[in-house]
Amino acid sequence: MSEDVLVTLLRETLYLIIKVSAPMLIISLVVGLIISVLQTVTSIQEQTLSFVPKLLSIFLVIMFAGNWIITSISEYFEYLCENFSIFIR
């Protein structure tokens, strides 16, 4: 396997990981920020208060974007399997 092929494969894999995980990370960040602002405004200093809303929001993202996530990963896996002979040269 040449370095160019390896670097390209690594870049595509990392891009897929970022693309698939971004919706969950972004919604978790937004919900955490909103909960933190509400905690600051109401002077509630409970650390575990943001856990349940984050968990529910990630669950909702997986529920709505799960098909897209599975399709993206499956298409990439098919690409890897189809081009396996190119990668091992």
N, C-alpha and C. Protein backbone atom coordinates (compact mmCIF):
# COMPACT_ATOMS: atom_id res chain seq x y z
N MET A 1 0.86 -1.17 0.00
CA MET A 1 0.00 0.00 0.00
C MET A 1 0.90 1.23 0.00
N SER A 2 0.70 2.09 -0.96
CA SER A 2 1.53 3.29 -1.04
C SER A 2 1.07 4.32 -0.01
N GLU A 3 1.95 5.26 0.23
CA GLU A 3 1.63 6.29 1.22
C GLU A 3 0.45 7.16 0.77
N ASP A 4 0.37 7.43 -0.51
CA ASP A 4 -0.73 8.27 -1.02
C ASP A 4 -2.08 7.62 -0.77
N VAL A 5 -2.16 6.33 -1.05
CA VAL A 5 -3.41 5.61 -0.84
C VAL A 5 -3.75 5.57 0.65
N LEU A 6 -2.75 5.33 1.47
CA LEU A 6 -2.97 5.26 2.91
C LEU A 6 -3.43 6.61 3.47
N VAL A 7 -2.80 7.68 3.03
CA VAL A 7 -3.18 9.02 3.51
C VAL A 7 -4.59 9.36 3.05
N THR A 8 -4.91 9.03 1.81
CA THR A 8 -6.26 9.29 1.29
C THR A 8 -7.30 8.49 2.07
N LEU A 9 -7.00 7.24 2.33
CA LEU A 9 -7.91 6.38 3.09
C LEU A 9 -8.11 6.91 4.50
N LEU A 10 -7.02 7.31 5.12
CA LEU A 10 -7.10 7.86 6.48
C LEU A 10 -7.90 9.15 6.50
N ARG A 11 -7.67 10.03 5.52
CA ARG A 11 -8.39 11.30 5.44
C ARG A 11 -9.89 11.07 5.26
N GLU A 12 -10.25 10.15 4.36
CA GLU A 12 -11.67 9.86 4.12
C GLU A 12 -12.33 9.25 5.35
N THR A 13 -11.60 8.40 6.05
CA THR A 13 -12.15 7.78 7.26
C THR A 13 -12.38 8.82 8.35
N LEU A 14 -11.41 9.69 8.57
CA LEU A 14 -11.57 10.74 9.58
C LEU A 14 -12.69 11.70 9.21
N TYR A 15 -12.80 12.02 7.93
CA TYR A 15 -13.89 12.89 7.48
C TYR A 15 -15.25 12.24 7.76
N LEU A 16 -15.36 10.94 7.50
CA LEU A 16 -16.62 10.24 7.76
C LEU A 16 -16.94 10.24 9.25
N ILE A 17 -15.93 10.00 10.08
CA ILE A 17 -16.15 10.00 11.53
C ILE A 17 -16.65 11.37 12.00
N ILE A 18 -16.03 12.42 11.50
CA ILE A 18 -16.44 13.77 11.89
C ILE A 18 -17.85 14.07 11.38
N LYS A 19 -18.11 13.69 10.13
CA LYS A 19 -19.41 13.97 9.52
C LYS A 19 -20.54 13.24 10.25
N VAL A 20 -20.28 12.01 10.67
CA VAL A 20 -21.32 11.21 11.33
C VAL A 20 -21.52 11.65 12.78
N SER A 21 -20.46 12.03 13.46
CA SER A 21 -20.59 12.39 14.87
C SER A 21 -20.96 13.86 15.09
N ALA A 22 -20.81 14.70 14.08
CA ALA A 22 -21.06 16.14 14.24
C ALA A 22 -22.47 16.48 14.72
N PRO A 23 -23.53 15.88 14.15
CA PRO A 23 -24.87 16.26 14.64
C PRO A 23 -25.07 15.99 16.13
N MET A 24 -24.57 14.87 16.61
CA MET A 24 -24.73 14.54 18.03
C MET A 24 -23.90 15.47 18.91
N LEU A 25 -22.68 15.77 18.47
CA LEU A 25 -21.82 16.65 19.26
C LEU A 25 -22.36 18.08 19.29
N ILE A 26 -22.86 18.55 18.15
CA ILE A 26 -23.37 19.92 18.09
C ILE A 26 -24.62 20.08 18.94
N ILE A 27 -25.56 19.13 18.84
CA ILE A 27 -26.79 19.25 19.63
C ILE A 27 -26.48 19.12 21.12
N SER A 28 -25.52 18.28 21.47
CA SER A 28 -25.12 18.15 22.87
C SER A 28 -24.49 19.44 23.38
N LEU A 29 -23.69 20.07 22.54
CA LEU A 29 -23.08 21.35 22.90
C LEU A 29 -24.13 22.43 23.10
N VAL A 30 -25.09 22.51 22.19
CA VAL A 30 -26.13 23.54 22.27
C VAL A 30 -27.01 23.32 23.51
N VAL A 31 -27.43 22.09 23.73
CA VAL A 31 -28.27 21.80 24.90
C VAL A 31 -27.50 22.07 26.19
N GLY A 32 -26.24 21.67 26.24
CA GLY A 32 -25.42 21.94 27.43
C GLY A 32 -25.26 23.42 27.69
N LEU A 33 -25.08 24.19 26.62
CA LEU A 33 -24.95 25.64 26.77
C LEU A 33 -26.24 26.27 27.28
N ILE A 34 -27.37 25.83 26.73
CA ILE A 34 -28.66 26.36 27.18
C ILE A 34 -28.91 26.02 28.65
N ILE A 35 -28.63 24.78 29.03
CA ILE A 35 -28.82 24.37 30.43
C ILE A 35 -27.88 25.15 31.34
N SER A 36 -26.66 25.37 30.91
CA SER A 36 -25.71 26.14 31.72
C SER A 36 -26.17 27.58 31.92
N VAL A 37 -26.71 28.19 30.87
CA VAL A 37 -27.23 29.55 31.00
C VAL A 37 -28.42 29.57 31.96
N LEU A 38 -29.31 28.59 31.83
CA LEU A 38 -30.46 28.52 32.75
C LEU A 38 -30.01 28.28 34.19
N GLN A 39 -28.99 27.46 34.38
CA GLN A 39 -28.47 27.23 35.72
C GLN A 39 -27.86 28.51 36.29
N THR A 40 -27.18 29.26 35.46
CA THR A 40 -26.58 30.51 35.92
C THR A 40 -27.65 31.54 36.28
N VAL A 41 -28.67 31.63 35.45
CA VAL A 41 -29.74 32.60 35.70
C VAL A 41 -30.51 32.25 36.96
N THR A 42 -30.78 30.98 37.18
CA THR A 42 -31.58 30.56 38.34
C THR A 42 -30.73 30.22 39.56
N SER A 43 -29.42 30.33 39.45
CA SER A 43 -28.48 30.03 40.54
C SER A 43 -28.58 28.59 41.03
N ILE A 44 -28.95 27.69 40.16
CA ILE A 44 -28.95 26.27 40.50
C ILE A 44 -27.58 25.71 40.11
N GLN A 45 -26.88 25.13 41.05
CA GLN A 45 -25.53 24.63 40.78
C GLN A 45 -25.47 23.10 40.84
N GLU A 46 -26.43 22.46 40.26
CA GLU A 46 -26.47 21.00 40.22
C GLU A 46 -25.74 20.51 38.97
N GLN A 47 -24.68 19.74 39.14
CA GLN A 47 -23.85 19.30 38.02
C GLN A 47 -24.54 18.26 37.15
N THR A 48 -25.41 17.47 37.73
CA THR A 48 -26.06 16.39 36.98
C THR A 48 -27.30 16.85 36.23
N LEU A 49 -27.69 18.10 36.37
CA LEU A 49 -28.91 18.60 35.75
C LEU A 49 -28.84 18.59 34.23
N SER A 50 -27.68 18.80 33.66
CA SER A 50 -27.56 18.86 32.20
C SER A 50 -27.43 17.48 31.56
N PHE A 51 -27.24 16.44 32.36
CA PHE A 51 -27.01 15.11 31.80
C PHE A 51 -28.23 14.56 31.08
N VAL A 52 -29.38 14.61 31.70
CA VAL A 52 -30.60 14.03 31.11
C VAL A 52 -31.02 14.75 29.83
N PRO A 53 -31.06 16.09 29.79
CA PRO A 53 -31.41 16.74 28.52
C PRO A 53 -30.42 16.44 27.40
N LYS A 54 -29.13 16.37 27.72
CA LYS A 54 -28.14 16.01 26.70
C LYS A 54 -28.38 14.60 26.19
N LEU A 55 -28.63 13.69 27.09
CA LEU A 55 -28.87 12.30 26.72
C LEU A 55 -30.11 12.18 25.84
N LEU A 56 -31.19 12.87 26.21
CA LEU A 56 -32.41 12.84 25.40
C LEU A 56 -32.21 13.48 24.03
N SER A 57 -31.46 14.57 23.99
CA SER A 57 -31.23 15.22 22.69
C SER A 57 -30.37 14.35 21.78
N ILE A 58 -29.38 13.68 22.32
CA ILE A 58 -28.56 12.77 21.51
C ILE A 58 -29.41 11.60 21.03
N PHE A 59 -30.28 11.10 21.89
CA PHE A 59 -31.18 10.01 21.49
C PHE A 59 -32.08 10.46 20.34
N LEU A 60 -32.62 11.68 20.42
CA LEU A 60 -33.48 12.19 19.35
C LEU A 60 -32.71 12.36 18.04
N VAL A 61 -31.47 12.84 18.13
CA VAL A 61 -30.66 12.98 16.92
C VAL A 61 -30.40 11.62 16.30
N ILE A 62 -30.07 10.65 17.11
CA ILE A 62 -29.84 9.29 16.58
C ILE A 62 -31.12 8.74 15.98
N MET A 63 -32.25 9.02 16.61
CA MET A 63 -33.52 8.52 16.10
C MET A 63 -33.85 9.13 14.74
N PHE A 64 -33.62 10.43 14.58
CA PHE A 64 -33.96 11.09 13.32
C PHE A 64 -32.87 10.97 12.26
N ALA A 65 -31.60 10.95 12.67
CA ALA A 65 -30.50 10.90 11.70
C ALA A 65 -29.87 9.51 11.62
N GLY A 66 -30.43 8.55 12.31
CA GLY A 66 -29.84 7.21 12.33
C GLY A 66 -29.76 6.57 10.97
N ASN A 67 -30.79 6.76 10.17
CA ASN A 67 -30.79 6.18 8.82
C ASN A 67 -29.66 6.77 7.99
N TRP A 68 -29.47 8.08 8.07
CA TRP A 68 -28.40 8.73 7.34
C TRP A 68 -27.03 8.26 7.83
N ILE A 69 -26.88 8.09 9.14
CA ILE A 69 -25.62 7.63 9.71
C ILE A 69 -25.29 6.23 9.23
N ILE A 70 -26.27 5.33 9.30
CA ILE A 70 -26.04 3.96 8.88
C ILE A 70 -25.77 3.89 7.38
N THR A 71 -26.49 4.69 6.60
CA THR A 71 -26.27 4.71 5.15
C THR A 71 -24.87 5.21 4.82
N SER A 72 -24.42 6.25 5.49
CA SER A 72 -23.08 6.78 5.23
C SER A 72 -22.00 5.76 5.56
N ILE A 73 -22.13 5.11 6.69
CA ILE A 73 -21.13 4.12 7.09
C ILE A 73 -21.18 2.91 6.16
N SER A 74 -22.38 2.48 5.79
CA SER A 74 -22.52 1.33 4.88
C SER A 74 -21.93 1.62 3.51
N GLU A 75 -22.18 2.82 2.98
CA GLU A 75 -21.62 3.18 1.68
C GLU A 75 -20.10 3.21 1.73
N TYR A 76 -19.54 3.70 2.82
CA TYR A 76 -18.08 3.74 2.95
C TYR A 76 -17.52 2.32 3.07
N PHE A 77 -18.20 1.46 3.80
CA PHE A 77 -17.76 0.08 3.93
C PHE A 77 -17.81 -0.63 2.58
N GLU A 78 -18.87 -0.39 1.81
CA GLU A 78 -18.95 -0.97 0.47
C GLU A 78 -17.82 -0.47 -0.42
N TYR A 79 -17.51 0.82 -0.31
CA TYR A 79 -16.39 1.39 -1.06
C TYR A 79 -15.08 0.70 -0.69
N LEU A 80 -14.87 0.47 0.60
CA LEU A 80 -13.65 -0.20 1.05
C LEU A 80 -13.58 -1.63 0.53
N CYS A 81 -14.70 -2.34 0.57
CA CYS A 81 -14.72 -3.72 0.10
C CYS A 81 -14.51 -3.81 -1.41
N GLU A 82 -15.12 -2.90 -2.15
CA GLU A 82 -14.98 -2.93 -3.61
C GLU A 82 -13.56 -2.60 -4.06
N ASN A 83 -12.88 -1.75 -3.34
CA ASN A 83 -11.54 -1.32 -3.72
C ASN A 83 -10.45 -1.96 -2.88
N PHE A 84 -10.75 -3.07 -2.28
CA PHE A 84 -9.79 -3.74 -1.40
C PHE A 84 -8.52 -4.13 -2.15
N SER A 85 -8.67 -4.58 -3.38
CA SER A 85 -7.50 -5.00 -4.15
C SER A 85 -6.56 -3.83 -4.44
N ILE A 86 -7.11 -2.64 -4.58
CA ILE A 86 -6.28 -1.45 -4.80
C ILE A 86 -5.51 -1.10 -3.52
N PHE A 87 -6.14 -1.29 -2.38
CA PHE A 87 -5.53 -0.89 -1.12
C PHE A 87 -4.38 -1.81 -0.70
N ILE A 88 -4.42 -3.08 -1.08
CA ILE A 88 -3.39 -4.00 -0.62
C ILE A 88 -2.18 -4.06 -1.53
N ARG A 89 -2.20 -3.37 -2.66
CA ARG A 89 -1.04 -3.37 -3.56
C ARG A 89 0.10 -2.60 -2.99
